[in-house]
Amino acid sequence: MISIYSTVKKKGVSEKTIKELVSFILKQSKVHGDVSVHFIGDTKMKRLNKQYRGKEYSTDVLSFAQQEGEWITPTEDLGDIFISVPYIRAQAKRFDVSYREESMRMLVHGLLHLLGHDHQKEKEAQQMYQLQEQYIKKFL
């Protein structure tokens, strides 16, 4: 099941699109499980970023996986993705892309983290970003 929550009025992407995108990636990854997607404001994102990462600023997306490590097995609850709507709006302008495209990109990015991908090392980052952009191109 894919659950969507929003504490902001305009998330910019339909619930139908969000569910289709998440379902598509889970199917491609051969993983079944529940994912919660939260569209939030910068204040809440800053609080989460400080609480869980020790960073005193907002960010675009945070993922909280129920499992950690390289090998993610299908479970009932994969985790939560938090997306900062104001941050993504500003980021979309900076990158000269639509808000819809950038929010979908960050949704994919967050979901890839839940599936065990990371970008701590250069090679991992390259693979993750390539996969992220492949999913975006297939879905847009």
C-alpha atoms as a PDB file:
ATOM      1  CA  MET A   1       0.000   0.000   0.000  1.00  0.00           C
ATOM      2  CA  ILE A   2       1.146   3.513  -0.773  1.00  0.00           C
ATOM      3  CA  SER A   3      -0.003   6.150   1.724  1.00  0.00           C
ATOM      4  CA  ILE A   4       0.228   9.860   0.997  1.00  0.00           C
ATOM      5  CA  TYR A   5       0.112  12.577   3.637  1.00  0.00           C
ATOM      6  CA  SER A   6       0.380  16.317   3.214  1.00  0.00           C
ATOM      7  CA  THR A   7       0.680  19.152   5.699  1.00  0.00           C
ATOM      8  CA  VAL A   8       0.851  21.668   2.844  1.00  0.00           C
ATOM      9  CA  LYS A   9      -2.007  22.685   0.570  1.00  0.00           C
ATOM     10  CA  LYS A  10      -0.413  22.252  -2.845  1.00  0.00           C
ATOM     11  CA  LYS A  11       1.866  19.271  -3.276  1.00  0.00           C
ATOM     12  CA  GLY A  12       1.865  19.747  -7.075  1.00  0.00           C
ATOM     13  CA  VAL A  13       1.629  16.081  -8.045  1.00  0.00           C
ATOM     14  CA  SER A  14      -1.588  14.080  -8.063  1.00  0.00           C
ATOM     15  CA  GLU A  15      -1.995  11.158  -5.695  1.00  0.00           C
ATOM     16  CA  LYS A  16      -2.669   8.973  -8.720  1.00  0.00           C
ATOM     17  CA  THR A  17       0.695   9.905 -10.271  1.00  0.00           C
ATOM     18  CA  ILE A  18       2.533   9.346  -6.988  1.00  0.00           C
ATOM     19  CA  LYS A  19       0.997   5.903  -6.537  1.00  0.00           C
ATOM     20  CA  GLU A  20       1.676   4.927 -10.156  1.00  0.00           C
ATOM     21  CA  LEU A  21       5.318   6.029  -9.926  1.00  0.00           C
ATOM     22  CA  VAL A  22       5.985   4.244  -6.634  1.00  0.00           C
ATOM     23  CA  SER A  23       4.187   1.097  -7.845  1.00  0.00           C
ATOM     24  CA  PHE A  24       6.162   1.137 -11.094  1.00  0.00           C
ATOM     25  CA  ILE A  25       9.521   1.326  -9.302  1.00  0.00           C
ATOM     26  CA  LEU A  26       8.593  -1.327  -6.749  1.00  0.00           C
ATOM     27  CA  LYS A  27       7.492  -3.637  -9.556  1.00  0.00           C
ATOM     28  CA  GLN A  28      10.718  -2.984 -11.506  1.00  0.00           C
ATOM     29  CA  SER A  29      12.687  -3.701  -8.320  1.00  0.00           C
ATOM     30  CA  LYS A  30      10.671  -6.868  -7.630  1.00  0.00           C
ATOM     31  CA  VAL A  31       9.823  -5.602  -4.160  1.00  0.00           C
ATOM     32  CA  HIS A  32       6.425  -5.582  -2.489  1.00  0.00           C
ATOM     33  CA  GLY A  33       5.691  -3.469   0.534  1.00  0.00           C
ATOM     34  CA  ASP A  34       4.129  -0.383   1.998  1.00  0.00           C
ATOM     35  CA  VAL A  35       5.553   3.088   1.481  1.00  0.00           C
ATOM     36  CA  SER A  36       4.402   6.317   3.133  1.00  0.00           C
ATOM     37  CA  VAL A  37       5.035   9.608   1.329  1.00  0.00           C
ATOM     38  CA  HIS A  38       4.797  12.846   3.337  1.00  0.00           C
ATOM     39  CA  PHE A  39       4.694  16.301   1.729  1.00  0.00           C
ATOM     40  CA  ILE A  40       5.751  18.772   4.402  1.00  0.00           C
ATOM     41  CA  GLY A  41       6.928  22.344   4.929  1.00  0.00           C
ATOM     42  CA  ASP A  42      10.453  23.560   5.601  1.00  0.00           C
ATOM     43  CA  THR A  43       9.965  23.937   9.363  1.00  0.00           C
ATOM     44  CA  LYS A  44       9.110  20.268   9.818  1.00  0.00           C
ATOM     45  CA  MET A  45      11.859  19.209   7.383  1.00  0.00           C
ATOM     46  CA  LYS A  46      14.430  21.257   9.279  1.00  0.00           C
ATOM     47  CA  ARG A  47      13.305  19.646  12.536  1.00  0.00           C
ATOM     48  CA  LEU A  48      13.573  16.117  11.052  1.00  0.00           C
ATOM     49  CA  ASN A  49      16.962  16.876   9.497  1.00  0.00           C
ATOM     50  CA  LYS A  50      18.287  18.128  12.838  1.00  0.00           C
ATOM     51  CA  GLN A  51      16.790  15.269  14.852  1.00  0.00           C
ATOM     52  CA  TYR A  52      17.988  12.434  12.613  1.00  0.00           C
ATOM     53  CA  ARG A  53      21.037  13.811  10.808  1.00  0.00           C
ATOM     54  CA  GLY A  54      22.289  16.549  13.117  1.00  0.00           C
ATOM     55  CA  LYS A  55      21.922  19.163  10.345  1.00  0.00           C
ATOM     56  CA  GLU A  56      20.349  22.493  11.270  1.00  0.00           C
ATOM     57  CA  TYR A  57      18.794  23.280   7.898  1.00  0.00           C
ATOM     58  CA  SER A  58      16.047  22.083   5.609  1.00  0.00           C
ATOM     59  CA  THR A  59      16.651  19.676   2.727  1.00  0.00           C
ATOM     60  CA  ASP A  60      14.747  18.342  -0.262  1.00  0.00           C
ATOM     61  CA  VAL A  61      14.010  14.734   0.723  1.00  0.00           C
ATOM     62  CA  LEU A  62      14.601  12.418   3.672  1.00  0.00           C
ATOM     63  CA  SER A  63      13.969   8.682   3.691  1.00  0.00           C
ATOM     64  CA  PHE A  64      13.566   6.505   6.745  1.00  0.00           C
ATOM     65  CA  ALA A  65      13.859   2.836   5.838  1.00  0.00           C
ATOM     66  CA  GLN A  66      12.541   0.060   8.030  1.00  0.00           C
ATOM     67  CA  GLN A  67      15.521  -2.036   6.888  1.00  0.00           C
ATOM     68  CA  GLU A  68      19.119  -1.000   6.396  1.00  0.00           C
ATOM     69  CA  GLY A  69      21.959  -2.381   4.324  1.00  0.00           C
ATOM     70  CA  GLU A  70      22.630  -3.593   0.821  1.00  0.00           C
ATOM     71  CA  TRP A  71      20.093  -6.391   0.617  1.00  0.00           C
ATOM     72  CA  ILE A  72      16.564  -5.198   1.083  1.00  0.00           C
ATOM     73  CA  THR A  73      14.041  -8.000   1.297  1.00  0.00           C
ATOM     74  CA  PRO A  74      10.346  -7.550   0.652  1.00  0.00           C
ATOM     75  CA  THR A  75       8.654  -6.595   3.893  1.00  0.00           C
ATOM     76  CA  GLU A  76       5.315  -5.226   4.810  1.00  0.00           C
ATOM     77  CA  ASP A  77       6.641  -1.721   5.590  1.00  0.00           C
ATOM     78  CA  LEU A  78       9.528  -0.361   3.513  1.00  0.00           C
ATOM     79  CA  GLY A  79       9.564   3.046   5.203  1.00  0.00           C
ATOM     80  CA  ASP A  80       8.717   6.732   4.918  1.00  0.00           C
ATOM     81  CA  ILE A  81       9.712   9.438   2.452  1.00  0.00           C
ATOM     82  CA  PHE A  82       9.488  13.097   3.514  1.00  0.00           C
ATOM     83  CA  ILE A  83       9.528  15.755   0.786  1.00  0.00           C
ATOM     84  CA  SER A  84       9.807  19.482   1.534  1.00  0.00           C
ATOM     85  CA  VAL A  85       7.450  21.243  -0.861  1.00  0.00           C
ATOM     86  CA  PRO A  86       8.958  24.755  -0.465  1.00  0.00           C
ATOM     87  CA  TYR A  87      12.492  23.395  -0.855  1.00  0.00           C
ATOM     88  CA  ILE A  88      11.573  21.441  -3.991  1.00  0.00           C
ATOM     89  CA  ARG A  89       9.805  24.472  -5.507  1.00  0.00           C
ATOM     90  CA  ALA A  90      12.962  26.571  -5.072  1.00  0.00           C
ATOM     91  CA  GLN A  91      15.166  23.727  -6.303  1.00  0.00           C
ATOM     92  CA  ALA A  92      13.025  23.291  -9.431  1.00  0.00           C
ATOM     93  CA  LYS A  93      13.484  26.976 -10.266  1.00  0.00           C
ATOM     94  CA  ARG A  94      17.232  26.712  -9.674  1.00  0.00           C
ATOM     95  CA  PHE A  95      17.501  23.680 -11.993  1.00  0.00           C
ATOM     96  CA  ASP A  96      15.055  25.183 -14.518  1.00  0.00           C
ATOM     97  CA  VAL A  97      12.646  22.233 -14.402  1.00  0.00           C
ATOM     98  CA  SER A  98       8.979  22.046 -13.476  1.00  0.00           C
ATOM     99  CA  TYR A  99       7.992  21.579  -9.868  1.00  0.00           C
ATOM    100  CA  ARG A 100       6.171  18.387 -10.883  1.00  0.00           C
ATOM    101  CA  GLU A 101       9.326  16.922 -12.453  1.00  0.00           C
ATOM    102  CA  GLU A 102      11.556  17.828  -9.513  1.00  0.00           C
ATOM    103  CA  SER A 103       9.129  16.499  -6.916  1.00  0.00           C
ATOM    104  CA  MET A 104       8.858  13.243  -8.869  1.00  0.00           C
ATOM    105  CA  ARG A 105      12.666  13.101  -9.060  1.00  0.00           C
ATOM    106  CA  MET A 106      12.932  13.510  -5.287  1.00  0.00           C
ATOM    107  CA  LEU A 107      10.215  10.896  -4.761  1.00  0.00           C
ATOM    108  CA  VAL A 108      12.240   8.454  -6.882  1.00  0.00           C
ATOM    109  CA  HIS A 109      15.413   9.444  -5.019  1.00  0.00           C
ATOM    110  CA  GLY A 110      13.786   8.816  -1.658  1.00  0.00           C
ATOM    111  CA  LEU A 111      12.327   5.508  -2.796  1.00  0.00           C
ATOM    112  CA  LEU A 112      15.707   4.333  -4.087  1.00  0.00           C
ATOM    113  CA  HIS A 113      17.098   4.968  -0.597  1.00  0.00           C
ATOM    114  CA  LEU A 114      14.315   2.818   0.880  1.00  0.00           C
ATOM    115  CA  LEU A 115      15.317   0.093  -1.571  1.00  0.00           C
ATOM    116  CA  GLY A 116      18.906   0.146  -0.299  1.00  0.00           C
ATOM    117  CA  HIS A 117      20.626   2.501  -2.751  1.00  0.00           C
ATOM    118  CA  ASP A 118      23.066   5.081  -1.462  1.00  0.00           C
ATOM    119  CA  HIS A 119      25.351   7.825  -2.732  1.00  0.00           C
ATOM    120  CA  GLN A 120      28.108   7.896  -0.138  1.00  0.00           C
ATOM    121  CA  LYS A 121      30.746   6.683  -2.595  1.00  0.00           C
ATOM    122  CA  GLU A 122      31.256   8.038  -6.114  1.00  0.00           C
ATOM    123  CA  LYS A 123      30.484   4.760  -7.892  1.00  0.00           C
ATOM    124  CA  GLU A 124      27.325   4.189  -5.826  1.00  0.00           C
ATOM    125  CA  ALA A 125      26.230   7.764  -6.437  1.00  0.00           C
ATOM    126  CA  GLN A 126      26.704   7.419 -10.179  1.00  0.00           C
ATOM    127  CA  GLN A 127      24.663   4.207 -10.265  1.00  0.00           C
ATOM    128  CA  MET A 128      21.917   5.657  -8.097  1.00  0.00           C
ATOM    129  CA  TYR A 129      21.576   8.866 -10.113  1.00  0.00           C
ATOM    130  CA  GLN A 130      21.565   6.934 -13.406  1.00  0.00           C
ATOM    131  CA  LEU A 131      18.788   4.694 -12.137  1.00  0.00           C
ATOM    132  CA  GLN A 132      16.900   7.715 -10.797  1.00  0.00           C
ATOM    133  CA  GLU A 133      17.001   9.463 -14.173  1.00  0.00           C
ATOM    134  CA  GLN A 134      16.048   6.263 -16.031  1.00  0.00           C
ATOM    135  CA  TYR A 135      12.899   5.990 -13.925  1.00  0.00           C
ATOM    136  CA  ILE A 136      12.072   9.664 -14.421  1.00  0.00           C
ATOM    137  CA  LYS A 137      12.474   9.408 -18.210  1.00  0.00           C
ATOM    138  CA  LYS A 138      10.339   6.266 -18.387  1.00  0.00           C
ATOM    139  CA  PHE A 139       7.604   7.802 -16.323  1.00  0.00           C
ATOM    140  CA  LEU A 140       7.374  11.405 -17.554  1.00  0.00           C
END
